[in-house]
Amino acid sequence: MISSNEIKQKALEYGADIVGIGNIESYEGVSPLHDPRFILPDAKCVIGAGFRVPRGILRVMDNGSQIYSYTSLGVKSISEELAETFLLKMAAVIENEGYEACLQRSTPHIRAKDDYGTNPEVMATKQLPYSESVGSGKPAPDVILDFEQSAVICGVGTYGLRGNVLTPEFGPFQRFVFIITNAPLECDEMIGKEICDKCLECVKACPGNAISNDESIVEIGGSKHTIGRYDKWQCSVYYRGAHKSNPYMDDRYFIDYPDRDSILDGSKRFTPEESAAIYSELDFLPRTQYGYVPCLCKKACDIACYKHLESTGALTKKYKIRMSDESEKGCNE
């Protein structure tokens, strides 16, 4: 019988930076549309693996010298290439032992039937078309894991204020995949103390005011977590560069909009319909392969979060130069 330690060793060998195993019972009370027990009914646990976003990519995005590195390598290449190869290799390890591995990677363009939000990273998202339940008491397909929720259950991170996941190693900068399996593995405990200290740096940094400190409690497996309000539709507009801080912005944009000034300064509140309607105006740079859009807000919220966590010593992964330092030495200094 394969052990949890062997699974974790293989995960690290195959390219994951962090790995944890979540107890299937922690999903009790979760919406059926996000419950792995409706995906693999005899599941015993969920394996969660995270892949770091290289910090050098974040630095050049933060200083404004490059935009596409993050979108291409920090998003698309990890989720569409590295993660898929990793999942297939891990599936072979598990299934060679006679158990099943149901692989879960992100579905960036698709929302579950109870999810009316969007994904700021891609050009457009939509809910799945009409479908019917395959049996009494079962949800209509597709059942899609909540990745943030699953990462918390797997014990690799805790919620940040905007509902994303912060890990002790990399803060907000990693991407996750999961494996639902009926292998009887020893599970990890969820992290007890929240990494987010509610400093509100992410709230202040967001150019579109998409995050607020209107706190709510999320309960998972008997554990309570505090998150704020995060408007994904508002975020999607400013992720694409609607703010005046966008280096590609000039007088050609929004010239016929009576509320141009409020759009540019981030005070305009967008409805989902208004957000989707304005996307065609946000054509500063071409979208990349698979429909990912350039991140023209430069992940200001997550960069601010990372710098704060680094400056307080909350992150276990250390670097020679801190992003939180106001002055940094150049390559030849």
Foldseek 3Di string as FASTA:
>chain_A
DDAPVNLQVLLVVLAFPDKFKFALVLCPPPPLLARCCLVPVLFGIKMKTKHFQDVVLLVCLVVPNDFVCCLVPQPCCVQPPSQVVSLVVSQCVVVVVVKGKDKAGDDQQEDEPVDPAHHLFFLHHDYDPDFDAPDPPHDTDDRHHPNLLRCQRRQQFAAEQARATQGQAQGRGIGMIMITMNPNYDGDHGDQDHLHPPPCLLCVQQQQNQWDQCWDWDDTSNHIHIYTGGHRLSSSQVQLPQELVQPLDDCVACVVPPCSVCSHRNNDDDDNVRSSVCSVRSPSDDADPPRTHTRRSSSRSRLSRRLVCVVVVSHPHDDPDGPVDPDDDDPVD
